[in-house]
């Protein structure tokens, strides 16, 4: 899965995956319409750098992040919260 300029997606990323790569692809969990979907997320050096900042000062093994691509080589990666709506089997993302 490739993120194009202007797109924003929410993923669950494993620390091990992002620490072992400089660019290429990682397996991430994408939450779409109430279902977790495992995707091969294409990453480059700038995206890896931004995701590593999320893991910098903590010991967590995974992180829920919102990734927005703002230009060809610039990404905004922010921690996010995903709320699961069990009645409708949908997911609402809260920033």
PDB file of N, CA and C in Angstrom:
ATOM      1  N   UNK A   1       0.856  -1.164   0.000  1.00  0.00           N
ATOM      2  CA  UNK A   1       0.000   0.000   0.000  1.00  0.00           C
ATOM      3  C   UNK A   1       0.904   1.229   0.000  1.00  0.00           C
ATOM      4  N   UNK A   2       0.619   2.135  -0.878  1.00  0.00           N
ATOM      5  CA  UNK A   2       1.398   3.363  -0.988  1.00  0.00           C
ATOM      6  C   UNK A   2       0.495   4.531  -0.621  1.00  0.00           C
ATOM      7  N   UNK A   3       1.018   5.461   0.158  1.00  0.00           N
ATOM      8  CA  UNK A   3       0.268   6.651   0.540  1.00  0.00           C
ATOM      9  C   UNK A   3       0.618   7.760  -0.442  1.00  0.00           C
ATOM     10  N   UNK A   4      -0.392   8.307  -1.095  1.00  0.00           N
ATOM     11  CA  UNK A   4      -0.182   9.394  -2.047  1.00  0.00           C
ATOM     12  C   UNK A   4      -0.312  10.742  -1.349  1.00  0.00           C
ATOM     13  N   UNK A   5       0.178  11.794  -1.993  1.00  0.00           N
ATOM     14  CA  UNK A   5       0.117  13.148  -1.439  1.00  0.00           C
ATOM     15  C   UNK A   5      -1.348  13.504  -1.166  1.00  0.00           C
ATOM     16  N   UNK A   6      -1.610  13.982   0.048  1.00  0.00           N
ATOM     17  CA  UNK A   6      -2.951  14.374   0.453  1.00  0.00           C
ATOM     18  C   UNK A   6      -3.742  13.284   1.150  1.00  0.00           C
ATOM     19  N   UNK A   7      -3.273  12.058   1.144  1.00  0.00           N
ATOM     20  CA  UNK A   7      -3.983  10.962   1.798  1.00  0.00           C
ATOM     21  C   UNK A   7      -3.574  10.822   3.256  1.00  0.00           C
ATOM     22  N   UNK A   8      -4.511  10.311   4.062  1.00  0.00           N
ATOM     23  CA  UNK A   8      -4.261  10.071   5.482  1.00  0.00           C
ATOM     24  C   UNK A   8      -4.848   8.710   5.842  1.00  0.00           C
ATOM     25  N   UNK A   9      -4.051   7.886   6.507  1.00  0.00           N
ATOM     26  CA  UNK A   9      -4.494   6.565   6.933  1.00  0.00           C
ATOM     27  C   UNK A   9      -4.037   6.319   8.362  1.00  0.00           C
ATOM     28  N   UNK A  10      -4.762   5.435   9.044  1.00  0.00           N
ATOM     29  CA  UNK A  10      -4.409   5.037  10.404  1.00  0.00           C
ATOM     30  C   UNK A  10      -3.899   3.600  10.387  1.00  0.00           C
ATOM     31  N   UNK A  11      -2.737   3.400  11.007  1.00  0.00           N
ATOM     32  CA  UNK A  11      -2.096   2.096  11.018  1.00  0.00           C
ATOM     33  C   UNK A  11      -1.650   1.733  12.417  1.00  0.00           C
ATOM     34  N   UNK A  12      -1.514   0.438  12.646  1.00  0.00           N
ATOM     35  CA  UNK A  12      -0.819  -0.069  13.820  1.00  0.00           C
ATOM     36  C   UNK A  12       0.514  -0.609  13.307  1.00  0.00           C
ATOM     37  N   UNK A  13       1.604  -0.095  13.869  1.00  0.00           N
ATOM     38  CA  UNK A  13       2.945  -0.418  13.401  1.00  0.00           C
ATOM     39  C   UNK A  13       3.726  -1.070  14.539  1.00  0.00           C
ATOM     40  N   UNK A  14       4.472  -2.129  14.231  1.00  0.00           N
ATOM     41  CA  UNK A  14       5.314  -2.804  15.219  1.00  0.00           C
ATOM     42  C   UNK A  14       6.696  -2.159  15.260  1.00  0.00           C
ATOM     43  N   UNK A  15       7.197  -1.980  16.459  1.00  0.00           N
ATOM     44  CA  UNK A  15       8.527  -1.394  16.655  1.00  0.00           C
ATOM     45  C   UNK A  15       9.603  -2.206  15.931  1.00  0.00           C
ATOM     46  N   UNK A  16       9.551  -3.528  16.046  1.00  0.00           N
ATOM     47  CA  UNK A  16      10.566  -4.384  15.416  1.00  0.00           C
ATOM     48  C   UNK A  16      10.651  -4.158  13.908  1.00  0.00           C
ATOM     49  N   UNK A  17       9.498  -4.014  13.281  1.00  0.00           N
ATOM     50  CA  UNK A  17       9.474  -3.834  11.829  1.00  0.00           C
ATOM     51  C   UNK A  17      10.139  -2.530  11.400  1.00  0.00           C
ATOM     52  N   UNK A  18       9.890  -1.469  12.131  1.00  0.00           N
ATOM     53  CA  UNK A  18      10.386  -0.153  11.726  1.00  0.00           C
ATOM     54  C   UNK A  18      11.851   0.042  12.109  1.00  0.00           C
ATOM     55  N   UNK A  19      12.328  -0.678  13.116  1.00  0.00           N
ATOM     56  CA  UNK A  19      13.731  -0.545  13.517  1.00  0.00           C
ATOM     57  C   UNK A  19      14.675  -1.304  12.587  1.00  0.00           C
ATOM     58  N   UNK A  20      14.165  -2.295  11.882  1.00  0.00           N
ATOM     59  CA  UNK A  20      15.014  -3.153  11.061  1.00  0.00           C
ATOM     60  C   UNK A  20      15.076  -2.732   9.593  1.00  0.00           C
ATOM     61  N   UNK A  21      14.514  -1.588   9.240  1.00  0.00           N
ATOM     62  CA  UNK A  21      14.423  -1.222   7.828  1.00  0.00           C
ATOM     63  C   UNK A  21      14.797   0.248   7.631  1.00  0.00           C
ATOM     64  N   UNK A  22      15.373   0.548   6.500  1.00  0.00           N
ATOM     65  CA  UNK A  22      15.657   1.937   6.120  1.00  0.00           C
ATOM     66  C   UNK A  22      14.651   2.425   5.083  1.00  0.00           C
ATOM     67  N   UNK A  23      14.325   1.569   4.134  1.00  0.00           N
ATOM     68  CA  UNK A  23      13.247   1.823   3.186  1.00  0.00           C
ATOM     69  C   UNK A  23      12.856   0.510   2.536  1.00  0.00           C
ATOM     70  N   UNK A  24      11.674   0.480   1.963  1.00  0.00           N
ATOM     71  CA  UNK A  24      11.152  -0.750   1.374  1.00  0.00           C
ATOM     72  C   UNK A  24       9.700  -0.914   1.764  1.00  0.00           C
ATOM     73  N   UNK A  25       9.384  -1.973   2.522  1.00  0.00           N
ATOM     74  CA  UNK A  25       8.010  -2.174   2.962  1.00  0.00           C
ATOM     75  C   UNK A  25       7.989  -2.896   4.306  1.00  0.00           C
ATOM     76  N   UNK A  26       6.917  -2.652   5.049  1.00  0.00           N
ATOM     77  CA  UNK A  26       6.680  -3.325   6.324  1.00  0.00           C
ATOM     78  C   UNK A  26       5.243  -3.840   6.323  1.00  0.00           C
ATOM     79  N   UNK A  27       4.956  -4.769   7.202  1.00  0.00           N
ATOM     80  CA  UNK A  27       3.582  -5.231   7.381  1.00  0.00           C
ATOM     81  C   UNK A  27       2.967  -4.390   8.500  1.00  0.00           C
ATOM     82  N   UNK A  28       1.852  -3.746   8.185  1.00  0.00           N
ATOM     83  CA  UNK A  28       1.153  -2.903   9.156  1.00  0.00           C
ATOM     84  C   UNK A  28      -0.318  -3.300   9.161  1.00  0.00           C
ATOM     85  N   UNK A  29      -1.014  -2.949  10.227  1.00  0.00           N
ATOM     86  CA  UNK A  29      -2.443  -3.208  10.324  1.00  0.00           C
ATOM     87  C   UNK A  29      -3.183  -1.918  10.011  1.00  0.00           C
ATOM     88  N   UNK A  30      -4.002  -1.947   8.986  1.00  0.00           N
ATOM     89  CA  UNK A  30      -4.804  -0.794   8.579  1.00  0.00           C
ATOM     90  C   UNK A  30      -6.228  -1.050   9.041  1.00  0.00           C
ATOM     91  N   UNK A  31      -6.817  -0.091   9.749  1.00  0.00           N
ATOM     92  CA  UNK A  31      -8.183  -0.240  10.222  1.00  0.00           C
ATOM     93  C   UNK A  31      -9.122   0.431   9.236  1.00  0.00           C
ATOM     94  N   UNK A  32      -9.964  -0.386   8.586  1.00  0.00           N
ATOM     95  CA  UNK A  32     -10.861   0.122   7.556  1.00  0.00           C
ATOM     96  C   UNK A  32     -12.258  -0.443   7.758  1.00  0.00           C
ATOM     97  N   UNK A  33     -13.214   0.437   7.986  1.00  0.00           N
ATOM     98  CA  UNK A  33     -14.625   0.071   8.134  1.00  0.00           C
ATOM     99  C   UNK A  33     -14.855  -1.061   9.131  1.00  0.00           C
ATOM    100  N   UNK A  34     -14.216  -0.976  10.261  1.00  0.00           N
ATOM    101  CA  UNK A  34     -14.448  -1.935  11.331  1.00  0.00           C
ATOM    102  C   UNK A  34     -13.629  -3.201  11.272  1.00  0.00           C
ATOM    103  N   UNK A  35     -12.781  -3.314  10.288  1.00  0.00           N
ATOM    104  CA  UNK A  35     -12.000  -4.543  10.161  1.00  0.00           C
ATOM    105  C   UNK A  35     -10.512  -4.240  10.088  1.00  0.00           C
ATOM    106  N   UNK A  36      -9.719  -4.983  10.843  1.00  0.00           N
ATOM    107  CA  UNK A  36      -8.271  -4.831  10.685  1.00  0.00           C
ATOM    108  C   UNK A  36      -7.820  -5.549   9.426  1.00  0.00           C
ATOM    109  N   UNK A  37      -7.026  -4.882   8.618  1.00  0.00           N
ATOM    110  CA  UNK A  37      -6.523  -5.449   7.377  1.00  0.00           C
ATOM    111  C   UNK A  37      -5.008  -5.357   7.409  1.00  0.00           C
ATOM    112  N   UNK A  38      -4.341  -6.483   7.205  1.00  0.00           N
ATOM    113  CA  UNK A  38      -2.882  -6.484   7.170  1.00  0.00           C
ATOM    114  C   UNK A  38      -2.438  -6.086   5.771  1.00  0.00           C
ATOM    115  N   UNK A  39      -1.622  -5.036   5.700  1.00  0.00           N
ATOM    116  CA  UNK A  39      -1.172  -4.521   4.413  1.00  0.00           C
ATOM    117  C   UNK A  39       0.347  -4.419   4.396  1.00  0.00           C
ATOM    118  N   UNK A  40       0.890  -4.437   3.208  1.00  0.00           N
ATOM    119  CA  UNK A  40       2.312  -4.192   3.011  1.00  0.00           C
ATOM    120  C   UNK A  40       2.441  -2.696   2.743  1.00  0.00           C
ATOM    121  N   UNK A  41       2.927  -1.958   3.728  1.00  0.00           N
ATOM    122  CA  UNK A  41       3.031  -0.509   3.646  1.00  0.00           C
ATOM    123  C   UNK A  41       4.392  -0.125   3.091  1.00  0.00           C
ATOM    124  N   UNK A  42       4.393   0.616   1.989  1.00  0.00           N
ATOM    125  CA  UNK A  42       5.633   1.088   1.386  1.00  0.00           C
ATOM    126  C   UNK A  42       6.173   2.249   2.218  1.00  0.00           C
ATOM    127  N   UNK A  43       7.452   2.171   2.610  1.00  0.00           N
ATOM    128  CA  UNK A  43       8.072   3.217   3.413  1.00  0.00           C
ATOM    129  C   UNK A  43       9.372   3.676   2.756  1.00  0.00           C
ATOM    130  N   UNK A  44       9.644   4.970   2.880  1.00  0.00           N
ATOM    131  CA  UNK A  44      10.933   5.499   2.440  1.00  0.00           C
ATOM    132  C   UNK A  44      11.660   6.053   3.663  1.00  0.00           C
ATOM    133  N   UNK A  45      12.839   6.602   3.464  1.00  0.00           N
ATOM    134  CA  UNK A  45      13.657   7.048   4.605  1.00  0.00           C
ATOM    135  C   UNK A  45      12.954   8.104   5.445  1.00  0.00           C
ATOM    136  N   UNK A  46      12.263   9.050   4.811  1.00  0.00           N
ATOM    137  CA  UNK A  46      11.619  10.111   5.587  1.00  0.00           C
ATOM    138  C   UNK A  46      10.443   9.577   6.400  1.00  0.00           C
ATOM    139  N   UNK A  47       9.687   8.625   5.868  1.00  0.00           N
ATOM    140  CA  UNK A  47       8.579   8.043   6.627  1.00  0.00           C
ATOM    141  C   UNK A  47       9.098   7.198   7.782  1.00  0.00           C
ATOM    142  N   UNK A  48      10.139   6.419   7.552  1.00  0.00           N
ATOM    143  CA  UNK A  48      10.738   5.620   8.628  1.00  0.00           C
ATOM    144  C   UNK A  48      11.213   6.534   9.751  1.00  0.00           C
ATOM    145  N   UNK A  49      11.843   7.633   9.396  1.00  0.00           N
ATOM    146  CA  UNK A  49      12.343   8.585  10.394  1.00  0.00           C
ATOM    147  C   UNK A  49      11.198   9.142  11.240  1.00  0.00           C
ATOM    148  N   UNK A  50      10.095   9.500  10.598  1.00  0.00           N
ATOM    149  CA  UNK A  50       8.947  10.055  11.327  1.00  0.00           C
ATOM    150  C   UNK A  50       8.285   9.019  12.231  1.00  0.00           C
ATOM    151  N   UNK A  51       8.172   7.785  11.776  1.00  0.00           N
ATOM    152  CA  UNK A  51       7.563   6.739  12.610  1.00  0.00           C
ATOM    153  C   UNK A  51       8.460   6.418  13.799  1.00  0.00           C
ATOM    154  N   UNK A  52       9.768   6.408  13.590  1.00  0.00           N
ATOM    155  CA  UNK A  52      10.694   6.141  14.700  1.00  0.00           C
ATOM    156  C   UNK A  52      10.588   7.190  15.795  1.00  0.00           C
ATOM    157  N   UNK A  53      10.233   8.417  15.451  1.00  0.00           N
ATOM    158  CA  UNK A  53      10.056   9.467  16.470  1.00  0.00           C
ATOM    159  C   UNK A  53       8.949   9.095  17.444  1.00  0.00           C
ATOM    160  N   UNK A  54       7.935   8.384  16.991  1.00  0.00           N
ATOM    161  CA  UNK A  54       6.830   7.975  17.857  1.00  0.00           C
ATOM    162  C   UNK A  54       7.334   6.991  18.922  1.00  0.00           C
ATOM    163  N   UNK A  55       8.273   6.135  18.559  1.00  0.00           N
ATOM    164  CA  UNK A  55       8.805   5.126  19.482  1.00  0.00           C
ATOM    165  C   UNK A  55       9.980   5.639  20.314  1.00  0.00           C
ATOM    166  N   UNK A  56      10.445   6.841  20.060  1.00  0.00           N
ATOM    167  CA  UNK A  56      11.694   7.356  20.640  1.00  0.00           C
ATOM    168  C   UNK A  56      11.760   7.278  22.165  1.00  0.00           C
ATOM    169  N   UNK A  57      10.779   7.793  22.861  1.00  0.00           N
ATOM    170  CA  UNK A  57      10.866   7.909  24.318  1.00  0.00           C
ATOM    171  C   UNK A  57       9.945   6.956  25.069  1.00  0.00           C
ATOM    172  N   UNK A  58       9.666   5.792  24.484  1.00  0.00           N
ATOM    173  CA  UNK A  58       8.832   4.832  25.203  1.00  0.00           C
ATOM    174  C   UNK A  58       9.294   3.415  24.894  1.00  0.00           C
ATOM    175  N   UNK A  59       8.728   2.466  25.587  1.00  0.00           N
ATOM    176  CA  UNK A  59       9.128   1.073  25.425  1.00  0.00           C
ATOM    177  C   UNK A  59       8.038   0.229  24.759  1.00  0.00           C
ATOM    178  N   UNK A  60       7.028   0.861  24.188  1.00  0.00           N
ATOM    179  CA  UNK A  60       5.932   0.124  23.563  1.00  0.00           C
ATOM    180  C   UNK A  60       6.403  -0.712  22.386  1.00  0.00           C
ATOM    181  N   UNK A  61       5.729  -1.832  22.185  1.00  0.00           N
ATOM    182  CA  UNK A  61       6.069  -2.710  21.066  1.00  0.00           C
ATOM    183  C   UNK A  61       5.292  -2.340  19.807  1.00  0.00           C
ATOM    184  N   UNK A  62       4.125  -1.716  19.965  1.00  0.00           N
ATOM    185  CA  UNK A  62       3.331  -1.280  18.819  1.00  0.00           C
ATOM    186  C   UNK A  62       2.831   0.132  19.051  1.00  0.00           C
ATOM    187  N   UNK A  63       2.437   0.788  17.972  1.00  0.00           N
ATOM    188  CA  UNK A  63       1.881   2.134  18.084  1.00  0.00           C
ATOM    189  C   UNK A  63       0.775   2.305  17.050  1.00  0.00           C
ATOM    190  N   UNK A  64      -0.288   2.982  17.460  1.00  0.00           N
ATOM    191  CA  UNK A  64      -1.336   3.385  16.534  1.00  0.00           C
ATOM    192  C   UNK A  64      -0.986   4.784  16.052  1.00  0.00           C
ATOM    193  N   UNK A  65      -0.811   4.923  14.744  1.00  0.00           N
ATOM    194  CA  UNK A  65      -0.390   6.209  14.195  1.00  0.00           C
ATOM    195  C   UNK A  65      -1.276   6.614  13.028  1.00  0.00           C
ATOM    196  N   UNK A  66      -1.415   7.906  12.876  1.00  0.00           N
ATOM    197  CA  UNK A  66      -2.081   8.492  11.730  1.00  0.00           C
ATOM    198  C   UNK A  66      -0.985   9.045  10.833  1.00  0.00           C
ATOM    199  N   UNK A  67      -0.940   8.597   9.574  1.00  0.00           N
ATOM    200  CA  UNK A  67       0.094   9.024   8.644  1.00  0.00           C
ATOM    201  C   UNK A  67      -0.553   9.845   7.540  1.00  0.00           C
ATOM    202  N   UNK A  68      -0.075  11.078   7.388  1.00  0.00           N
ATOM    203  CA  UNK A  68      -0.538  11.962   6.327  1.00  0.00           C
ATOM    204  C   UNK A  68       0.650  12.314   5.454  1.00  0.00           C
ATOM    205  N   UNK A  69       0.493  12.159   4.160  1.00  0.00           N
ATOM    206  CA  UNK A  69       1.566  12.545   3.240  1.00  0.00           C
ATOM    207  C   UNK A  69       1.252  13.945   2.741  1.00  0.00           C
ATOM    208  N   UNK A  70       2.129  14.911   3.071  1.00  0.00           N
ATOM    209  CA  UNK A  70       1.871  16.304   2.721  1.00  0.00           C
ATOM    210  C   UNK A  70       2.632  16.757   1.477  1.00  0.00           C
ATOM    211  N   UNK A  71       3.668  16.044   1.084  1.00  0.00           N
ATOM    212  CA  UNK A  71       4.387  16.351  -0.151  1.00  0.00           C
ATOM    213  C   UNK A  71       5.108  15.085  -0.608  1.00  0.00           C
ATOM    214  N   UNK A  72       5.886  15.207  -1.668  1.00  0.00           N
ATOM    215  CA  UNK A  72       6.561  14.032  -2.217  1.00  0.00           C
ATOM    216  C   UNK A  72       7.445  13.331  -1.188  1.00  0.00           C
ATOM    217  N   UNK A  73       8.125  14.108  -0.344  1.00  0.00           N
ATOM    218  CA  UNK A  73       9.051  13.490   0.609  1.00  0.00           C
ATOM    219  C   UNK A  73       8.760  13.854   2.066  1.00  0.00           C
ATOM    220  N   UNK A  74       7.607  14.439   2.360  1.00  0.00           N
ATOM    221  CA  UNK A  74       7.308  14.845   3.737  1.00  0.00           C
ATOM    222  C   UNK A  74       6.029  14.183   4.225  1.00  0.00           C
ATOM    223  N   UNK A  75       6.124  13.621   5.427  1.00  0.00           N
ATOM    224  CA  UNK A  75       4.993  12.959   6.072  1.00  0.00           C
ATOM    225  C   UNK A  75       4.773  13.570   7.443  1.00  0.00           C
ATOM    226  N   UNK A  76       3.531  13.555   7.888  1.00  0.00           N
ATOM    227  CA  UNK A  76       3.196  13.915   9.264  1.00  0.00           C
ATOM    228  C   UNK A  76       2.682  12.649   9.920  1.00  0.00           C
ATOM    229  N   UNK A  77       3.369  12.215  10.970  1.00  0.00           N
ATOM    230  CA  UNK A  77       2.987  11.003  11.694  1.00  0.00           C
ATOM    231  C   UNK A  77       2.638  11.417  13.114  1.00  0.00           C
ATOM    232  N   UNK A  78       1.397  11.110  13.506  1.00  0.00           N
ATOM    233  CA  UNK A  78       0.912  11.487  14.835  1.00  0.00           C
ATOM    234  C   UNK A  78       0.310  10.262  15.515  1.00  0.00           C
ATOM    235  N   UNK A  79       0.438  10.200  16.842  1.00  0.00           N
ATOM    236  CA  UNK A  79      -0.261   9.125  17.554  1.00  0.00           C
ATOM    237  C   UNK A  79      -1.759   9.329  17.391  1.00  0.00           C
ATOM    238  N   UNK A  80      -2.496   8.259  17.355  1.00  0.00           N
ATOM    239  CA  UNK A  80      -3.945   8.363  17.209  1.00  0.00           C
ATOM    240  C   UNK A  80      -4.621   7.364  18.125  1.00  0.00           C
ATOM    241  N   UNK A  81      -5.915   7.489  18.241  1.00  0.00           N
ATOM    242  CA  UNK A  81      -6.723   6.583  19.042  1.00  0.00           C
ATOM    243  C   UNK A  81      -7.795   6.018  18.127  1.00  0.00           C
ATOM    244  N   UNK A  82      -8.012   4.729  18.187  1.00  0.00           N
ATOM    245  CA  UNK A  82      -9.060   4.092  17.403  1.00  0.00           C
ATOM    246  C   UNK A  82     -10.083   3.527  18.364  1.00  0.00           C
ATOM    247  N   UNK A  83     -11.324   3.958  18.217  1.00  0.00           N
ATOM    248  CA  UNK A  83     -12.413   3.446  19.037  1.00  0.00           C
ATOM    249  C   UNK A  83     -13.200   2.440  18.212  1.00  0.00           C
ATOM    250  N   UNK A  84     -13.450   1.280  18.772  1.00  0.00           N
ATOM    251  CA  UNK A  84     -14.189   0.249  18.069  1.00  0.00           C
ATOM    252  C   UNK A  84     -15.645   0.322  18.488  1.00  0.00           C
ATOM    253  N   UNK A  85     -16.524   0.459  17.518  1.00  0.00           N
ATOM    254  CA  UNK A  85     -17.951   0.468  17.760  1.00  0.00           C
ATOM    255  C   UNK A  85     -18.459  -0.952  17.566  1.00  0.00           C
ATOM    256  N   UNK A  86     -18.685  -1.668  18.648  1.00  0.00           N
ATOM    257  CA  UNK A  86     -19.047  -3.085  18.554  1.00  0.00           C
ATOM    258  C   UNK A  86     -20.451  -3.292  18.005  1.00  0.00           C
ATOM    259  N   UNK A  87     -21.362  -2.363  18.218  1.00  0.00           N
ATOM    260  CA  UNK A  87     -22.726  -2.552  17.741  1.00  0.00           C
ATOM    261  C   UNK A  87     -22.790  -2.515  16.222  1.00  0.00           C
ATOM    262  N   UNK A  88     -22.118  -1.549  15.622  1.00  0.00           N
ATOM    263  CA  UNK A  88     -22.194  -1.413  14.175  1.00  0.00           C
ATOM    264  C   UNK A  88     -21.006  -2.049  13.471  1.00  0.00           C
ATOM    265  N   UNK A  89     -20.097  -2.599  14.264  1.00  0.00           N
ATOM    266  CA  UNK A  89     -18.867  -3.204  13.728  1.00  0.00           C
ATOM    267  C   UNK A  89     -18.062  -2.204  12.901  1.00  0.00           C
ATOM    268  N   UNK A  90     -18.167  -0.929  13.265  1.00  0.00           N
ATOM    269  CA  UNK A  90     -17.405   0.105  12.576  1.00  0.00           C
ATOM    270  C   UNK A  90     -16.340   0.664  13.495  1.00  0.00           C
ATOM    271  N   UNK A  91     -15.417   1.397  12.943  1.00  0.00           N
ATOM    272  CA  UNK A  91     -14.347   2.006  13.729  1.00  0.00           C
ATOM    273  C   UNK A  91     -14.390   3.506  13.502  1.00  0.00           C
ATOM    274  N   UNK A  92     -14.279   4.248  14.576  1.00  0.00           N
ATOM    275  CA  UNK A  92     -14.213   5.688  14.506  1.00  0.00           C
ATOM    276  C   UNK A  92     -12.830   6.109  14.967  1.00  0.00           C
ATOM    277  N   UNK A  93     -12.186   6.967  14.203  1.00  0.00           N
ATOM    278  CA  UNK A  93     -10.863   7.450  14.574  1.00  0.00           C
ATOM    279  C   UNK A  93     -11.011   8.805  15.232  1.00  0.00           C
ATOM    280  N   UNK A  94     -10.377   8.956  16.369  1.00  0.00           N
ATOM    281  CA  UNK A  94     -10.429  10.197  17.126  1.00  0.00           C
ATOM    282  C   UNK A  94      -9.027  10.771  17.190  1.00  0.00           C
ATOM    283  N   UNK A  95      -8.875  12.039  16.862  1.00  0.00           N
ATOM    284  CA  UNK A  95      -7.565  12.689  16.945  1.00  0.00           C
ATOM    285  C   UNK A  95      -7.505  13.564  18.156  1.00  0.00           C
TER     286      UNK A  95
END
